[in-house]
Amino acid sequence: MVIECISDTAEREQLVSFINYAYAINEVYTLADSKSVITDLRTLCVLKVGVQTGTDFEHTVRHLESEL
C-alpha cells in the first residue's frame, strides 16, 4: 500500500493498482522569513528548488527548466 506521493503512470499501472478518485495538487513552500511570493511556477526558474523524485511536480519543474 502506498499512502502518498506516487504518480500514476502507464508503466506503474502494470505493477500496481491506482485509485482514480484521489485528488492531489502541487504546492510550493518557502521559509517563513522569505520575502518571495510565488505566483507563477516560472518564477522558480532562477531559484534552487527541491522536489520529490518520481512525482508530477518533478516532471513539471524539469519541463520548465528545459524551456530556459
N, C-alpha and C. Protein backbone atom coordinates (compact mmCIF):
# COMPACT_ATOMS: atom_id res chain seq x y z
N MET A 1 0.84 -1.18 0.00
CA MET A 1 0.00 0.00 0.00
C MET A 1 0.88 1.23 0.00
N VAL A 2 0.54 2.19 -0.82
CA VAL A 2 1.22 3.48 -0.86
C VAL A 2 0.21 4.52 -0.42
N ILE A 3 0.59 5.33 0.53
CA ILE A 3 -0.32 6.32 1.07
C ILE A 3 -0.25 7.62 0.29
N GLU A 4 0.93 8.02 -0.15
CA GLU A 4 1.09 9.35 -0.70
C GLU A 4 2.25 9.39 -1.69
N CYS A 5 2.16 10.31 -2.62
CA CYS A 5 3.26 10.72 -3.49
C CYS A 5 3.79 9.64 -4.43
N ILE A 6 2.92 8.92 -5.05
CA ILE A 6 3.34 8.08 -6.16
C ILE A 6 2.43 8.45 -7.32
N SER A 7 3.04 8.96 -8.37
CA SER A 7 2.27 9.43 -9.51
C SER A 7 1.85 8.26 -10.39
N ASP A 8 0.67 8.35 -10.92
CA ASP A 8 0.09 7.33 -11.79
C ASP A 8 0.70 7.47 -13.20
N THR A 9 1.44 6.46 -13.62
CA THR A 9 1.99 6.44 -14.98
C THR A 9 1.60 5.11 -15.62
N ALA A 10 1.65 5.06 -16.94
CA ALA A 10 1.30 3.83 -17.65
C ALA A 10 2.20 2.67 -17.21
N GLU A 11 3.49 2.96 -17.01
CA GLU A 11 4.43 1.93 -16.58
C GLU A 11 4.08 1.41 -15.19
N ARG A 12 3.75 2.31 -14.27
CA ARG A 12 3.41 1.89 -12.91
C ARG A 12 2.09 1.14 -12.85
N GLU A 13 1.16 1.47 -13.77
CA GLU A 13 -0.12 0.77 -13.80
C GLU A 13 0.05 -0.72 -14.11
N GLN A 14 1.18 -1.09 -14.72
CA GLN A 14 1.46 -2.50 -14.99
C GLN A 14 1.85 -3.25 -13.71
N LEU A 15 2.26 -2.51 -12.68
CA LEU A 15 2.75 -3.12 -11.45
C LEU A 15 1.79 -3.01 -10.27
N VAL A 16 1.05 -1.91 -10.21
CA VAL A 16 0.15 -1.68 -9.07
C VAL A 16 -1.17 -1.12 -9.55
N SER A 17 -2.18 -1.20 -8.69
CA SER A 17 -3.49 -0.63 -9.00
C SER A 17 -3.58 0.76 -8.38
N PHE A 18 -4.16 1.70 -9.12
CA PHE A 18 -4.33 3.06 -8.64
C PHE A 18 -5.81 3.34 -8.42
N ILE A 19 -6.10 4.15 -7.44
CA ILE A 19 -7.46 4.61 -7.20
C ILE A 19 -7.59 5.95 -7.91
N ASN A 20 -8.51 6.05 -8.83
CA ASN A 20 -8.59 7.24 -9.67
C ASN A 20 -9.42 8.38 -9.08
N TYR A 21 -9.96 8.22 -7.91
CA TYR A 21 -10.74 9.30 -7.33
C TYR A 21 -9.94 10.15 -6.36
N ALA A 22 -8.68 9.85 -6.20
CA ALA A 22 -7.82 10.65 -5.33
C ALA A 22 -7.51 11.98 -6.01
N TYR A 23 -7.31 13.01 -5.23
CA TYR A 23 -7.02 14.34 -5.74
C TYR A 23 -5.76 14.86 -5.07
N ALA A 24 -4.82 15.33 -5.86
CA ALA A 24 -3.59 15.88 -5.30
C ALA A 24 -3.21 17.13 -6.09
N ILE A 25 -2.53 18.04 -5.41
CA ILE A 25 -2.06 19.25 -6.05
C ILE A 25 -0.59 19.45 -5.72
N ASN A 26 0.08 20.25 -6.50
CA ASN A 26 1.46 20.63 -6.21
C ASN A 26 1.45 21.89 -5.37
N GLU A 27 2.35 21.94 -4.40
CA GLU A 27 2.45 23.12 -3.55
C GLU A 27 3.90 23.54 -3.44
N VAL A 28 4.10 24.82 -3.22
CA VAL A 28 5.43 25.37 -3.04
C VAL A 28 5.50 25.95 -1.64
N TYR A 29 6.55 25.60 -0.91
CA TYR A 29 6.76 26.13 0.43
C TYR A 29 8.03 26.95 0.45
N THR A 30 8.01 28.03 1.21
CA THR A 30 9.21 28.85 1.41
C THR A 30 9.41 29.04 2.90
N LEU A 31 10.56 29.54 3.26
CA LEU A 31 10.83 29.82 4.66
C LEU A 31 9.93 30.96 5.15
N ALA A 32 9.58 30.93 6.41
CA ALA A 32 8.66 31.93 6.96
C ALA A 32 9.20 33.35 6.82
N ASP A 33 10.52 33.51 6.89
CA ASP A 33 11.08 34.87 6.79
C ASP A 33 11.39 35.28 5.35
N SER A 34 11.01 34.45 4.37
CA SER A 34 11.25 34.78 2.96
C SER A 34 10.33 35.90 2.51
N LYS A 35 10.88 36.82 1.73
CA LYS A 35 10.09 37.92 1.19
C LYS A 35 9.51 37.56 -0.18
N SER A 36 9.86 36.40 -0.70
CA SER A 36 9.40 35.98 -2.02
C SER A 36 7.96 35.49 -1.96
N VAL A 37 7.20 35.86 -2.95
CA VAL A 37 5.84 35.36 -3.12
C VAL A 37 5.80 34.68 -4.47
N ILE A 38 5.50 33.39 -4.49
CA ILE A 38 5.46 32.63 -5.73
C ILE A 38 4.04 32.66 -6.27
N THR A 39 3.86 33.33 -7.40
CA THR A 39 2.54 33.39 -8.01
C THR A 39 2.50 32.66 -9.35
N ASP A 40 3.69 32.32 -9.86
CA ASP A 40 3.80 31.64 -11.15
C ASP A 40 4.98 30.69 -11.05
N LEU A 41 4.80 29.45 -11.48
CA LEU A 41 5.90 28.48 -11.38
C LEU A 41 7.15 28.92 -12.12
N ARG A 42 7.00 29.74 -13.14
CA ARG A 42 8.17 30.19 -13.90
C ARG A 42 9.12 31.04 -13.05
N THR A 43 8.62 31.63 -11.97
CA THR A 43 9.50 32.40 -11.10
C THR A 43 10.48 31.50 -10.35
N LEU A 44 10.22 30.20 -10.33
CA LEU A 44 11.14 29.26 -9.68
C LEU A 44 12.38 29.01 -10.53
N CYS A 45 12.33 29.38 -11.80
CA CYS A 45 13.41 29.06 -12.73
C CYS A 45 14.75 29.67 -12.33
N VAL A 46 14.77 30.72 -11.56
CA VAL A 46 16.02 31.34 -11.15
C VAL A 46 16.43 30.90 -9.74
N LEU A 47 15.68 30.01 -9.14
CA LEU A 47 15.94 29.58 -7.76
C LEU A 47 16.32 28.11 -7.72
N LYS A 48 16.97 27.70 -6.63
CA LYS A 48 17.19 26.29 -6.37
C LYS A 48 15.90 25.75 -5.78
N VAL A 49 15.44 24.63 -6.30
CA VAL A 49 14.24 24.01 -5.77
C VAL A 49 14.51 22.55 -5.46
N GLY A 50 13.73 21.99 -4.58
CA GLY A 50 13.81 20.58 -4.26
C GLY A 50 12.44 19.96 -4.46
N VAL A 51 12.41 18.81 -5.09
CA VAL A 51 11.15 18.10 -5.31
C VAL A 51 11.36 16.63 -5.00
N GLN A 52 10.27 15.95 -4.73
CA GLN A 52 10.35 14.50 -4.52
C GLN A 52 10.44 13.83 -5.89
N THR A 53 11.43 12.96 -6.06
CA THR A 53 11.62 12.32 -7.36
C THR A 53 10.46 11.40 -7.69
N GLY A 54 10.17 11.32 -8.98
CA GLY A 54 9.11 10.44 -9.46
C GLY A 54 7.72 11.02 -9.36
N THR A 55 7.60 12.29 -8.96
CA THR A 55 6.29 12.91 -8.83
C THR A 55 5.99 13.77 -10.05
N ASP A 56 4.73 14.12 -10.20
CA ASP A 56 4.34 15.01 -11.29
C ASP A 56 5.06 16.35 -11.19
N PHE A 57 5.30 16.81 -9.97
CA PHE A 57 5.96 18.11 -9.81
C PHE A 57 7.39 18.07 -10.31
N GLU A 58 8.07 16.93 -10.15
CA GLU A 58 9.41 16.79 -10.72
C GLU A 58 9.37 16.98 -12.23
N HIS A 59 8.40 16.37 -12.88
CA HIS A 59 8.28 16.49 -14.33
C HIS A 59 7.94 17.93 -14.72
N THR A 60 7.12 18.60 -13.94
CA THR A 60 6.77 19.99 -14.20
C THR A 60 8.00 20.89 -14.12
N VAL A 61 8.79 20.72 -13.08
CA VAL A 61 9.99 21.54 -12.89
C VAL A 61 11.00 21.26 -14.00
N ARG A 62 11.17 19.99 -14.35
CA ARG A 62 12.11 19.67 -15.44
C ARG A 62 11.64 20.25 -16.78
N HIS A 63 10.33 20.25 -17.00
CA HIS A 63 9.80 20.83 -18.23
C HIS A 63 10.07 22.34 -18.26
N LEU A 64 9.83 23.02 -17.14
CA LEU A 64 10.10 24.45 -17.07
C LEU A 64 11.58 24.74 -17.29
N GLU A 65 12.43 23.88 -16.71
CA GLU A 65 13.87 24.04 -16.85
C GLU A 65 14.29 23.90 -18.31
N SER A 66 13.68 22.99 -19.04
CA SER A 66 14.06 22.77 -20.44
C SER A 66 13.63 23.93 -21.33
N GLU A 67 12.66 24.74 -20.88
CA GLU A 67 12.20 25.88 -21.66
C GLU A 67 13.14 27.08 -21.56
N LEU A 68 14.08 27.05 -20.63
CA LEU A 68 15.01 28.18 -20.46
C LEU A 68 15.95 28.31 -21.62
